[in-house]
Each structure stands twice: as C-alpha cells, then as structure tokens.
C-alpha cells in the first residue's frame, strides 16, 4: 500500500499507479410486483442472468401495507371444577355450533396458526357425526340420550363423561318461513378471493335452498349504504 505523497507549492509531480483487479460476486435479484397487494418482492436468480441488479422488499409508492389479521375473538375462560353435591344440575343445548373446526382448518390451509381464542373444543367435537339413535315414532321423548364414561388419559384418577343428545330431524318443508336480510361490505378491502367472492358463492348456494314462502333482501355498504335487493320471494331465483 502506497503512503502519502507531498507536493511542494508551485511544483508538478508525476505519479504512476497500477490497480489490482479483485473478483467480487454480486447478489442478483429478480424484482416482481404483486398487483394484489401493491408490494415489490425480490428473489435470487442464477448468476449470469442479470448483471448488477439488486433488490429487496418494500411498498410500491402510494400503496398501503398488507392488512394484518383483523379478526377478533372473545376471550375464552376455562370453566372451573364444580362439586356435583353443590351443583347437581347441568344444562345442555340440543342446537349446537360447529363453526370452529372449519375456521381452524381455514387458518391452517393458509399457513397460519389460529388465534387461541378461535379454538373452541366443544365446536370441534360437534363438527363430526356420531350416529346417535333417533327418537322412535310415537315416543313421548323428543330426543335420545347416549352416555359414555372413561378414564382421563392425562389424569387417571379422573373420569371423562360424554353425553350425546339426538333430536328427531325436522323436514325443511315443515320449518316456518324465513325472512333473511343480509348486510354486505363491498368496499375495496373485501376484494380478496376469501372475502366478497366467497360470499357470492355462499349466497348462490343459499338461493338453491330457499322456498317460495322464504324471503331475502340484500343491503350493501362501502362509503355509503344502499338497498340492492328488496325483500324477494325465494321463488324468484333468476
């Protein structure tokens, strides 16, 4: 390495230098823009395909960052143990909710861990059919009762009890008329395939189940709200 060179005022000095070549490998990136979320992403490409091109990830000018998980779930509090001597009566609902299983499966299919309060054990259990016996015709009881008891795997001193209720199925033709009103968000945030397009497919399936005595109306909102389908009979499915 050459040291400093001093040149006196008013004099001219000639300096001969030589440069040594150094081999440097550049990180090459291919830049793409995702039109769906307005973000630029970079990915490595084989050497020789692009020269002196580097990139990273950053927002396109004027685009908003991808929205995070905006879903909210009510906090689940574990039930405490109650002594049956002081609490001898338990209540059961014969109309159950089973949405949690499908919701958790959706999160997993999207490569996400479901929020802990979205995991509802009773709804996951209720999702599966158990082939409980149906009430027999002429029976005075509107439902059947199936029970099973076993040892708790994580605490052998405890017992697990399963109580299954099965009511007689009600034919759709015997149901009272339905009057359905849907309020749909049609703003730009609903444009992804798992939002408004999914709602449209679900509505098409609903229409196939409507009877002539059923009625349905649709109100939409974005910047403002408006009625797009007045209350209409289920017979008008065109």
C-alpha atoms as a PDB file:
ATOM      1  CA  UNK A   1       0.000   0.000   0.000  1.00  0.00           C
ATOM      2  CA  UNK A   2       1.389   3.397  -1.004  1.00  0.00           C
ATOM      3  CA  UNK A   3       1.926   6.071   1.649  1.00  0.00           C
ATOM      4  CA  UNK A   4       1.008   9.779   1.405  1.00  0.00           C
ATOM      5  CA  UNK A   5       2.750  11.897  -1.266  1.00  0.00           C
ATOM      6  CA  UNK A   6       3.673  15.528  -0.565  1.00  0.00           C
ATOM      7  CA  UNK A   7       3.967  18.049  -3.427  1.00  0.00           C
ATOM      8  CA  UNK A   8       5.537  21.459  -2.785  1.00  0.00           C
ATOM      9  CA  UNK A   9       3.569  24.512  -3.810  1.00  0.00           C
ATOM     10  CA  UNK A  10       4.284  25.593  -7.399  1.00  0.00           C
ATOM     11  CA  UNK A  11       5.811  22.256  -8.420  1.00  0.00           C
ATOM     12  CA  UNK A  12       4.401  19.473 -10.592  1.00  0.00           C
ATOM     13  CA  UNK A  13       4.812  15.827  -9.614  1.00  0.00           C
ATOM     14  CA  UNK A  14       4.076  12.810 -11.762  1.00  0.00           C
ATOM     15  CA  UNK A  15       2.700   9.726 -10.011  1.00  0.00           C
ATOM     16  CA  UNK A  16       2.430   6.335 -11.720  1.00  0.00           C
ATOM     17  CA  UNK A  17      -0.013   3.849 -10.126  1.00  0.00           C
ATOM     18  CA  UNK A  18      -1.394   0.447 -11.054  1.00  0.00           C
ATOM     19  CA  UNK A  19      -4.756  -1.070  -9.999  1.00  0.00           C
ATOM     20  CA  UNK A  20      -5.136  -4.693  -8.971  1.00  0.00           C
ATOM     21  CA  UNK A  21      -8.291  -6.473 -10.106  1.00  0.00           C
ATOM     22  CA  UNK A  22     -10.494  -8.014  -7.416  1.00  0.00           C
ATOM     23  CA  UNK A  23     -13.153 -10.671  -8.122  1.00  0.00           C
ATOM     24  CA  UNK A  24     -16.456  -9.723  -6.480  1.00  0.00           C
ATOM     25  CA  UNK A  25     -19.614 -11.829  -6.724  1.00  0.00           C
ATOM     26  CA  UNK A  26     -22.798  -9.772  -6.762  1.00  0.00           C
ATOM     27  CA  UNK A  27     -26.117 -10.907  -5.300  1.00  0.00           C
ATOM     28  CA  UNK A  28     -28.510 -10.808  -8.217  1.00  0.00           C
ATOM     29  CA  UNK A  29     -32.246 -10.382  -7.682  1.00  0.00           C
ATOM     30  CA  UNK A  30     -35.292 -10.532  -9.904  1.00  0.00           C
ATOM     31  CA  UNK A  31     -37.862  -7.913  -8.996  1.00  0.00           C
ATOM     32  CA  UNK A  32     -41.581  -8.581  -9.305  1.00  0.00           C
ATOM     33  CA  UNK A  33     -44.636  -6.597  -8.303  1.00  0.00           C
ATOM     34  CA  UNK A  34     -47.656  -8.295  -6.760  1.00  0.00           C
ATOM     35  CA  UNK A  35     -50.632  -6.470  -8.184  1.00  0.00           C
ATOM     36  CA  UNK A  36     -52.882  -7.892  -5.498  1.00  0.00           C
ATOM     37  CA  UNK A  37     -51.230  -6.155  -2.565  1.00  0.00           C
ATOM     38  CA  UNK A  38     -49.086  -3.486  -4.260  1.00  0.00           C
ATOM     39  CA  UNK A  39     -45.800  -4.810  -2.866  1.00  0.00           C
ATOM     40  CA  UNK A  40     -42.452  -5.364  -4.555  1.00  0.00           C
ATOM     41  CA  UNK A  41     -40.613  -8.569  -3.727  1.00  0.00           C
ATOM     42  CA  UNK A  42     -37.142  -9.814  -4.679  1.00  0.00           C
ATOM     43  CA  UNK A  43     -35.881 -13.334  -5.327  1.00  0.00           C
ATOM     44  CA  UNK A  44     -32.379 -14.625  -6.200  1.00  0.00           C
ATOM     45  CA  UNK A  45     -31.757 -15.715  -9.802  1.00  0.00           C
ATOM     46  CA  UNK A  46     -28.902 -17.777 -11.286  1.00  0.00           C
ATOM     47  CA  UNK A  47     -25.643 -15.918 -11.902  1.00  0.00           C
ATOM     48  CA  UNK A  48     -25.274 -14.525 -15.400  1.00  0.00           C
ATOM     49  CA  UNK A  49     -28.981 -13.980 -15.963  1.00  0.00           C
ATOM     50  CA  UNK A  50     -28.996 -10.420 -14.660  1.00  0.00           C
ATOM     51  CA  UNK A  51     -25.953  -8.222 -14.015  1.00  0.00           C
ATOM     52  CA  UNK A  52     -25.675  -5.639 -11.260  1.00  0.00           C
ATOM     53  CA  UNK A  53     -29.352  -5.864 -10.305  1.00  0.00           C
ATOM     54  CA  UNK A  54     -30.195  -5.993  -6.632  1.00  0.00           C
ATOM     55  CA  UNK A  55     -33.464  -5.649  -4.836  1.00  0.00           C
ATOM     56  CA  UNK A  56     -35.402  -6.226  -1.689  1.00  0.00           C
ATOM     57  CA  UNK A  57     -38.912  -5.941  -0.371  1.00  0.00           C
ATOM     58  CA  UNK A  58     -40.709  -2.634   0.030  1.00  0.00           C
ATOM     59  CA  UNK A  59     -44.010  -0.912  -0.650  1.00  0.00           C
ATOM     60  CA  UNK A  60     -44.914   0.483  -4.039  1.00  0.00           C
ATOM     61  CA  UNK A  61     -45.364   4.243  -3.917  1.00  0.00           C
ATOM     62  CA  UNK A  62     -48.920   5.070  -2.922  1.00  0.00           C
ATOM     63  CA  UNK A  63     -49.807   1.528  -1.855  1.00  0.00           C
ATOM     64  CA  UNK A  64     -50.896   0.558   1.650  1.00  0.00           C
ATOM     65  CA  UNK A  65     -49.140  -2.234   3.567  1.00  0.00           C
ATOM     66  CA  UNK A  66     -50.871  -5.628   3.508  1.00  0.00           C
ATOM     67  CA  UNK A  67     -53.513  -5.722   6.263  1.00  0.00           C
ATOM     68  CA  UNK A  68     -52.788  -7.909   9.250  1.00  0.00           C
ATOM     69  CA  UNK A  69     -55.195 -10.282  10.917  1.00  0.00           C
ATOM     70  CA  UNK A  70     -58.201  -8.109  11.734  1.00  0.00           C
ATOM     71  CA  UNK A  71     -60.357 -10.936  13.080  1.00  0.00           C
ATOM     72  CA  UNK A  72     -61.336 -10.723  16.732  1.00  0.00           C
ATOM     73  CA  UNK A  73     -62.470 -13.483  19.056  1.00  0.00           C
ATOM     74  CA  UNK A  74     -63.960 -13.260  22.508  1.00  0.00           C
ATOM     75  CA  UNK A  75     -61.539 -14.420  25.185  1.00  0.00           C
ATOM     76  CA  UNK A  76     -62.208 -17.973  26.334  1.00  0.00           C
ATOM     77  CA  UNK A  77     -62.087 -18.568  30.077  1.00  0.00           C
ATOM     78  CA  UNK A  78     -61.662 -22.133  31.270  1.00  0.00           C
ATOM     79  CA  UNK A  79     -64.520 -23.436  33.381  1.00  0.00           C
ATOM     80  CA  UNK A  80     -63.604 -24.332  36.928  1.00  0.00           C
ATOM     81  CA  UNK A  81     -64.408 -27.681  38.513  1.00  0.00           C
ATOM     82  CA  UNK A  82     -67.715 -27.763  40.407  1.00  0.00           C
ATOM     83  CA  UNK A  83     -68.731 -30.247  43.057  1.00  0.00           C
ATOM     84  CA  UNK A  84     -71.811 -32.197  41.980  1.00  0.00           C
ATOM     85  CA  UNK A  85     -73.098 -32.147  45.552  1.00  0.00           C
ATOM     86  CA  UNK A  86     -73.476 -28.372  45.406  1.00  0.00           C
ATOM     87  CA  UNK A  87     -74.219 -28.177  41.636  1.00  0.00           C
ATOM     88  CA  UNK A  88     -76.294 -31.266  40.783  1.00  0.00           C
ATOM     89  CA  UNK A  89     -77.985 -29.810  37.659  1.00  0.00           C
ATOM     90  CA  UNK A  90     -76.329 -29.345  34.249  1.00  0.00           C
ATOM     91  CA  UNK A  91     -77.933 -27.878  31.138  1.00  0.00           C
ATOM     92  CA  UNK A  92     -77.339 -28.952  27.531  1.00  0.00           C
ATOM     93  CA  UNK A  93     -78.185 -27.247  24.262  1.00  0.00           C
ATOM     94  CA  UNK A  94     -79.559 -29.524  21.572  1.00  0.00           C
ATOM     95  CA  UNK A  95     -78.823 -26.826  18.947  1.00  0.00           C
ATOM     96  CA  UNK A  96     -75.041 -26.754  18.620  1.00  0.00           C
ATOM     97  CA  UNK A  97     -72.454 -24.632  16.849  1.00  0.00           C
ATOM     98  CA  UNK A  98     -69.693 -26.375  14.889  1.00  0.00           C
ATOM     99  CA  UNK A  99     -68.008 -23.467  13.101  1.00  0.00           C
ATOM    100  CA  UNK A 100     -64.678 -23.602  14.953  1.00  0.00           C
ATOM    101  CA  UNK A 101     -63.458 -26.734  13.148  1.00  0.00           C
ATOM    102  CA  UNK A 102     -63.853 -25.197   9.670  1.00  0.00           C
ATOM    103  CA  UNK A 103     -62.390 -21.897  10.874  1.00  0.00           C
ATOM    104  CA  UNK A 104     -59.275 -23.577  12.288  1.00  0.00           C
ATOM    105  CA  UNK A 105     -58.874 -25.616   9.112  1.00  0.00           C
ATOM    106  CA  UNK A 106     -59.004 -22.355   7.117  1.00  0.00           C
ATOM    107  CA  UNK A 107     -56.167 -20.847   9.148  1.00  0.00           C
ATOM    108  CA  UNK A 108     -54.038 -23.974   8.750  1.00  0.00           C
ATOM    109  CA  UNK A 109     -54.693 -24.142   4.986  1.00  0.00           C
ATOM    110  CA  UNK A 110     -53.434 -20.541   4.749  1.00  0.00           C
ATOM    111  CA  UNK A 111     -50.254 -21.451   6.627  1.00  0.00           C
ATOM    112  CA  UNK A 112     -51.230 -19.554   9.784  1.00  0.00           C
ATOM    113  CA  UNK A 113     -51.590 -20.574  13.397  1.00  0.00           C
ATOM    114  CA  UNK A 114     -55.175 -19.938  14.521  1.00  0.00           C
ATOM    115  CA  UNK A 115     -55.678 -17.435  17.360  1.00  0.00           C
ATOM    116  CA  UNK A 116     -56.004 -19.342  20.626  1.00  0.00           C
ATOM    117  CA  UNK A 117     -59.479 -17.960  21.313  1.00  0.00           C
ATOM    118  CA  UNK A 118     -60.671 -19.251  17.927  1.00  0.00           C
ATOM    119  CA  UNK A 119     -60.058 -22.823  19.113  1.00  0.00           C
ATOM    120  CA  UNK A 120     -63.295 -23.963  20.714  1.00  0.00           C
ATOM    121  CA  UNK A 121     -63.138 -27.591  21.722  1.00  0.00           C
ATOM    122  CA  UNK A 122     -66.893 -28.137  22.005  1.00  0.00           C
ATOM    123  CA  UNK A 123     -67.465 -26.861  18.452  1.00  0.00           C
ATOM    124  CA  UNK A 124     -64.725 -29.118  17.105  1.00  0.00           C
ATOM    125  CA  UNK A 125     -66.331 -32.135  18.788  1.00  0.00           C
ATOM    126  CA  UNK A 126     -69.770 -31.177  17.499  1.00  0.00           C
ATOM    127  CA  UNK A 127     -68.481 -30.963  13.907  1.00  0.00           C
ATOM    128  CA  UNK A 128     -68.381 -34.750  13.469  1.00  0.00           C
ATOM    129  CA  UNK A 129     -71.435 -37.021  13.117  1.00  0.00           C
ATOM    130  CA  UNK A 130     -71.791 -39.652  15.830  1.00  0.00           C
ATOM    131  CA  UNK A 131     -74.747 -41.698  14.536  1.00  0.00           C
ATOM    132  CA  UNK A 132     -76.695 -41.391  17.758  1.00  0.00           C
ATOM    133  CA  UNK A 133     -80.011 -43.290  17.682  1.00  0.00           C
ATOM    134  CA  UNK A 134     -83.027 -41.280  16.573  1.00  0.00           C
ATOM    135  CA  UNK A 135     -86.205 -40.987  18.647  1.00  0.00           C
ATOM    136  CA  UNK A 136     -88.713 -43.610  17.556  1.00  0.00           C
ATOM    137  CA  UNK A 137     -92.101 -42.687  16.141  1.00  0.00           C
ATOM    138  CA  UNK A 138     -94.732 -42.350  18.839  1.00  0.00           C
ATOM    139  CA  UNK A 139     -92.124 -41.983  21.594  1.00  0.00           C
ATOM    140  CA  UNK A 140     -93.055 -39.471  24.276  1.00  0.00           C
ATOM    141  CA  UNK A 141     -89.453 -38.237  24.469  1.00  0.00           C
ATOM    142  CA  UNK A 142     -88.368 -35.675  21.817  1.00  0.00           C
ATOM    143  CA  UNK A 143     -84.723 -36.783  21.936  1.00  0.00           C
ATOM    144  CA  UNK A 144     -82.494 -39.743  22.785  1.00  0.00           C
ATOM    145  CA  UNK A 145     -79.698 -39.759  25.341  1.00  0.00           C
ATOM    146  CA  UNK A 146     -76.363 -41.561  24.845  1.00  0.00           C
ATOM    147  CA  UNK A 147     -73.708 -41.643  27.578  1.00  0.00           C
ATOM    148  CA  UNK A 148     -70.166 -42.975  27.811  1.00  0.00           C
ATOM    149  CA  UNK A 149     -67.573 -42.814  30.598  1.00  0.00           C
ATOM    150  CA  UNK A 150     -63.837 -43.474  30.523  1.00  0.00           C
ATOM    151  CA  UNK A 151     -60.578 -42.737  32.323  1.00  0.00           C
ATOM    152  CA  UNK A 152     -58.948 -39.371  31.607  1.00  0.00           C
ATOM    153  CA  UNK A 153     -55.620 -40.119  29.810  1.00  0.00           C
ATOM    154  CA  UNK A 154     -53.808 -37.181  31.427  1.00  0.00           C
ATOM    155  CA  UNK A 155     -55.128 -37.886  34.980  1.00  0.00           C
ATOM    156  CA  UNK A 156     -56.193 -41.496  35.599  1.00  0.00           C
ATOM    157  CA  UNK A 157     -57.923 -40.585  38.867  1.00  0.00           C
ATOM    158  CA  UNK A 158     -60.425 -38.517  36.867  1.00  0.00           C
ATOM    159  CA  UNK A 159     -63.172 -39.687  34.548  1.00  0.00           C
ATOM    160  CA  UNK A 160     -64.371 -38.251  31.230  1.00  0.00           C
ATOM    161  CA  UNK A 161     -68.094 -38.415  30.537  1.00  0.00           C
ATOM    162  CA  UNK A 162     -69.593 -37.957  27.092  1.00  0.00           C
ATOM    163  CA  UNK A 163     -73.288 -37.142  26.892  1.00  0.00           C
ATOM    164  CA  UNK A 164     -74.884 -37.136  23.447  1.00  0.00           C
ATOM    165  CA  UNK A 165     -78.324 -35.763  22.637  1.00  0.00           C
ATOM    166  CA  UNK A 166     -80.115 -36.523  19.383  1.00  0.00           C
ATOM    167  CA  UNK A 167     -83.423 -34.965  18.378  1.00  0.00           C
ATOM    168  CA  UNK A 168     -85.654 -36.027  15.538  1.00  0.00           C
ATOM    169  CA  UNK A 169     -84.782 -34.264  12.266  1.00  0.00           C
ATOM    170  CA  UNK A 170     -87.178 -31.557  11.126  1.00  0.00           C
ATOM    171  CA  UNK A 171     -88.066 -31.593   7.446  1.00  0.00           C
ATOM    172  CA  UNK A 172     -87.309 -28.314   5.663  1.00  0.00           C
ATOM    173  CA  UNK A 173     -90.889 -28.175   4.387  1.00  0.00           C
ATOM    174  CA  UNK A 174     -92.126 -28.090   7.996  1.00  0.00           C
ATOM    175  CA  UNK A 175     -89.978 -25.104   9.012  1.00  0.00           C
ATOM    176  CA  UNK A 176     -91.665 -21.692   9.415  1.00  0.00           C
ATOM    177  CA  UNK A 177     -90.996 -19.164   6.615  1.00  0.00           C
ATOM    178  CA  UNK A 178     -87.649 -17.366   6.798  1.00  0.00           C
ATOM    179  CA  UNK A 179     -87.214 -13.610   6.322  1.00  0.00           C
ATOM    180  CA  UNK A 180     -83.498 -13.009   5.723  1.00  0.00           C
ATOM    181  CA  UNK A 181     -81.745  -9.623   5.436  1.00  0.00           C
ATOM    182  CA  UNK A 182     -78.022  -9.537   4.587  1.00  0.00           C
ATOM    183  CA  UNK A 183     -75.741  -6.520   5.124  1.00  0.00           C
ATOM    184  CA  UNK A 184     -72.671  -6.951   2.906  1.00  0.00           C
ATOM    185  CA  UNK A 185     -69.431  -4.978   2.910  1.00  0.00           C
ATOM    186  CA  UNK A 186     -68.469  -4.371  -0.752  1.00  0.00           C
ATOM    187  CA  UNK A 187     -65.564  -1.985  -0.128  1.00  0.00           C
ATOM    188  CA  UNK A 188     -62.135  -2.481  -1.664  1.00  0.00           C
ATOM    189  CA  UNK A 189     -60.881  -4.387   1.385  1.00  0.00           C
ATOM    190  CA  UNK A 190     -63.284  -7.221   0.502  1.00  0.00           C
ATOM    191  CA  UNK A 191     -61.705  -7.893  -2.905  1.00  0.00           C
ATOM    192  CA  UNK A 192     -59.533 -10.902  -1.955  1.00  0.00           C
ATOM    193  CA  UNK A 193     -60.813 -14.355  -3.029  1.00  0.00           C
ATOM    194  CA  UNK A 194     -61.650 -15.445   0.515  1.00  0.00           C
ATOM    195  CA  UNK A 195     -63.901 -12.450   1.180  1.00  0.00           C
ATOM    196  CA  UNK A 196     -66.508 -10.983  -1.184  1.00  0.00           C
ATOM    197  CA  UNK A 197     -66.102 -13.646  -3.933  1.00  0.00           C
ATOM    198  CA  UNK A 198     -66.606 -16.308  -1.259  1.00  0.00           C
ATOM    199  CA  UNK A 199     -69.723 -14.507  -0.006  1.00  0.00           C
ATOM    200  CA  UNK A 200     -71.122 -14.515  -3.549  1.00  0.00           C
ATOM    201  CA  UNK A 201     -70.650 -18.269  -3.863  1.00  0.00           C
ATOM    202  CA  UNK A 202     -72.270 -18.804  -0.467  1.00  0.00           C
ATOM    203  CA  UNK A 203     -75.253 -16.663  -1.496  1.00  0.00           C
ATOM    204  CA  UNK A 204     -75.695 -18.752  -4.639  1.00  0.00           C
ATOM    205  CA  UNK A 205     -75.839 -21.900  -2.505  1.00  0.00           C
ATOM    206  CA  UNK A 206     -78.355 -20.251  -0.190  1.00  0.00           C
ATOM    207  CA  UNK A 207     -80.648 -19.330  -3.073  1.00  0.00           C
ATOM    208  CA  UNK A 208     -80.873 -23.001  -4.051  1.00  0.00           C
ATOM    209  CA  UNK A 209     -82.268 -23.805  -0.584  1.00  0.00           C
ATOM    210  CA  UNK A 210     -84.928 -21.092  -0.457  1.00  0.00           C
ATOM    211  CA  UNK A 211     -88.609 -21.987  -0.644  1.00  0.00           C
ATOM    212  CA  UNK A 212     -91.341 -19.872  -2.205  1.00  0.00           C
ATOM    213  CA  UNK A 213     -92.514 -18.711   1.242  1.00  0.00           C
ATOM    214  CA  UNK A 214     -88.986 -17.590   2.240  1.00  0.00           C
ATOM    215  CA  UNK A 215     -87.885 -14.031   1.577  1.00  0.00           C
ATOM    216  CA  UNK A 216     -84.431 -12.454   1.279  1.00  0.00           C
ATOM    217  CA  UNK A 217     -83.137  -8.877   0.999  1.00  0.00           C
ATOM    218  CA  UNK A 218     -79.596  -7.531   0.489  1.00  0.00           C
ATOM    219  CA  UNK A 219     -78.154  -4.203   1.671  1.00  0.00           C
ATOM    220  CA  UNK A 220     -74.575  -3.262   0.729  1.00  0.00           C
ATOM    221  CA  UNK A 221     -72.256  -0.612   2.071  1.00  0.00           C
ATOM    222  CA  UNK A 222     -68.849   0.853   1.240  1.00  0.00           C
ATOM    223  CA  UNK A 223     -68.649   4.635   1.516  1.00  0.00           C
ATOM    224  CA  UNK A 224     -72.432   4.659   1.929  1.00  0.00           C
ATOM    225  CA  UNK A 225     -75.154   2.029   2.193  1.00  0.00           C
ATOM    226  CA  UNK A 226     -77.889   1.118  -0.251  1.00  0.00           C
ATOM    227  CA  UNK A 227     -80.586  -1.465  -0.880  1.00  0.00           C
ATOM    228  CA  UNK A 228     -79.637  -3.640  -3.864  1.00  0.00           C
ATOM    229  CA  UNK A 229     -82.256  -6.371  -3.450  1.00  0.00           C
ATOM    230  CA  UNK A 230     -85.649  -5.557  -1.903  1.00  0.00           C
ATOM    231  CA  UNK A 231     -87.366  -8.314   0.045  1.00  0.00           C
ATOM    232  CA  UNK A 232     -87.856 -11.008  -2.596  1.00  0.00           C
ATOM    233  CA  UNK A 233     -89.593 -14.362  -2.578  1.00  0.00           C
ATOM    234  CA  UNK A 234     -87.471 -17.489  -2.744  1.00  0.00           C
ATOM    235  CA  UNK A 235     -89.452 -18.489  -5.824  1.00  0.00           C
ATOM    236  CA  UNK A 236     -87.701 -15.727  -7.826  1.00  0.00           C
ATOM    237  CA  UNK A 237     -84.278 -17.309  -8.195  1.00  0.00           C
ATOM    238  CA  UNK A 238     -83.311 -15.913 -11.606  1.00  0.00           C
END
